[in-house]
Structures are given as C-alpha cells and as structure tokens.
Amino acid sequence: MAITQRRETAAIPCPYCEQETAVSVPDGDVELEVRRSVALYGDHTTVECPADHRFWVYFC
C-alpha cells in the first residue's frame, strides 16, 4: 500500500510584480517568509510566478 503525503497550498504574492502564485507548504501551521534571494540555510522552496520571476519561500 502506498502512503501519500498530504500537503497544504498557500497563495503567495510575487515580491516583484504582486501576482499571486500557489505554493505547496509542508504544514498548515508554518509561517511563510518570501525573499528575493536565496539564504545559506533553512527549509525553503523556489517559486516562479506567472511573469517568470523567481523567488524563494522559507518555512519558519
């Protein structure tokens, strides 16, 4: 039997153009922090908005 992990999603505005982008988050209780550049450490995901801007969302 396969175990599937259920993930939450959140709508995050792009820091460049403010277009909302859907982001998969590991837990609904986590705080999200949006950054224009990548940090050296931390649990994060790379996101690309509909206008092709790349940014990082950190899970705190």
C-alpha atoms as a PDB file:
ATOM      1  CA  MET A   1       0.000   0.000   0.000  1.00  0.00           C
ATOM      2  CA  ALA A   2       1.402   3.400  -0.976  1.00  0.00           C
ATOM      3  CA  ILE A   3       1.386   6.202   1.548  1.00  0.00           C
ATOM      4  CA  THR A   4       0.688   9.632   0.133  1.00  0.00           C
ATOM      5  CA  GLN A   5       1.745  12.733   1.985  1.00  0.00           C
ATOM      6  CA  ARG A   6      -0.905  15.434   2.094  1.00  0.00           C
ATOM      7  CA  ARG A   7       0.461  18.931   1.568  1.00  0.00           C
ATOM      8  CA  GLU A   8      -1.211  22.277   2.056  1.00  0.00           C
ATOM      9  CA  THR A   9      -1.078  25.082  -0.506  1.00  0.00           C
ATOM     10  CA  ALA A  10      -0.916  28.824   0.004  1.00  0.00           C
ATOM     11  CA  ALA A  11      -1.296  31.790  -2.362  1.00  0.00           C
ATOM     12  CA  ILE A  12       1.810  33.985  -2.158  1.00  0.00           C
ATOM     13  CA  PRO A  13       2.218  37.362  -3.918  1.00  0.00           C
ATOM     14  CA  CYS A  14       5.346  37.705  -6.052  1.00  0.00           C
ATOM     15  CA  PRO A  15       7.741  40.254  -4.467  1.00  0.00           C
ATOM     16  CA  TYR A  16       8.426  41.738  -7.923  1.00  0.00           C
ATOM     17  CA  CYS A  17       5.001  42.062  -9.560  1.00  0.00           C
ATOM     18  CA  GLU A  18       2.475  41.070  -6.824  1.00  0.00           C
ATOM     19  CA  GLN A  19       0.892  38.290  -8.951  1.00  0.00           C
ATOM     20  CA  GLU A  20      -0.375  35.506  -6.697  1.00  0.00           C
ATOM     21  CA  THR A  21       1.353  32.161  -7.051  1.00  0.00           C
ATOM     22  CA  ALA A  22       0.310  28.840  -5.496  1.00  0.00           C
ATOM     23  CA  VAL A  23       2.967  27.376  -3.203  1.00  0.00           C
ATOM     24  CA  SER A  24       2.945  23.920  -1.658  1.00  0.00           C
ATOM     25  CA  VAL A  25       3.720  24.111   2.083  1.00  0.00           C
ATOM     26  CA  PRO A  26       4.677  21.167   4.322  1.00  0.00           C
ATOM     27  CA  ASP A  27       2.311  22.107   7.171  1.00  0.00           C
ATOM     28  CA  GLY A  28      -0.627  24.484   7.545  1.00  0.00           C
ATOM     29  CA  ASP A  29       0.797  25.857  10.815  1.00  0.00           C
ATOM     30  CA  VAL A  30       4.084  27.034   9.296  1.00  0.00           C
ATOM     31  CA  GLU A  31       4.916  30.731   8.805  1.00  0.00           C
ATOM     32  CA  LEU A  32       5.932  31.710   5.278  1.00  0.00           C
ATOM     33  CA  GLU A  33       8.652  34.254   4.533  1.00  0.00           C
ATOM     34  CA  VAL A  34       9.152  35.478   0.953  1.00  0.00           C
ATOM     35  CA  ARG A  35      12.632  36.526  -0.200  1.00  0.00           C
ATOM     36  CA  ARG A  36      14.059  37.753  -3.475  1.00  0.00           C
ATOM     37  CA  SER A  37      17.338  35.909  -2.896  1.00  0.00           C
ATOM     38  CA  VAL A  38      18.311  32.522  -1.523  1.00  0.00           C
ATOM     39  CA  ALA A  39      19.733  32.182   2.003  1.00  0.00           C
ATOM     40  CA  LEU A  40      22.508  29.827   3.058  1.00  0.00           C
ATOM     41  CA  TYR A  41      20.248  27.634   5.186  1.00  0.00           C
ATOM     42  CA  GLY A  42      16.639  26.910   6.049  1.00  0.00           C
ATOM     43  CA  ASP A  43      13.763  24.838   4.728  1.00  0.00           C
ATOM     44  CA  HIS A  44      12.552  26.559   1.569  1.00  0.00           C
ATOM     45  CA  THR A  45      11.185  26.155  -1.935  1.00  0.00           C
ATOM     46  CA  THR A  46      11.969  28.007  -5.152  1.00  0.00           C
ATOM     47  CA  VAL A  47       8.910  29.572  -6.795  1.00  0.00           C
ATOM     48  CA  GLU A  48       8.350  31.064 -10.237  1.00  0.00           C
ATOM     49  CA  CYS A  49       5.377  33.390 -10.755  1.00  0.00           C
ATOM     50  CA  PRO A  50       3.308  33.592 -13.987  1.00  0.00           C
ATOM     51  CA  ALA A  51       5.530  36.518 -15.123  1.00  0.00           C
ATOM     52  CA  ASP A  52       8.664  34.285 -14.835  1.00  0.00           C
ATOM     53  CA  HIS A  53      10.058  35.991 -11.715  1.00  0.00           C
ATOM     54  CA  ARG A  54      11.957  33.600  -9.446  1.00  0.00           C
ATOM     55  CA  PHE A  55      11.835  33.967  -5.661  1.00  0.00           C
ATOM     56  CA  TRP A  56      12.198  31.835  -2.549  1.00  0.00           C
ATOM     57  CA  VAL A  57       9.660  30.974   0.132  1.00  0.00           C
ATOM     58  CA  TYR A  58      11.017  29.909   3.529  1.00  0.00           C
ATOM     59  CA  PHE A  59       9.090  27.806   6.032  1.00  0.00           C
ATOM     60  CA  CYS A  60       9.575  29.130   9.585  1.00  0.00           C
END
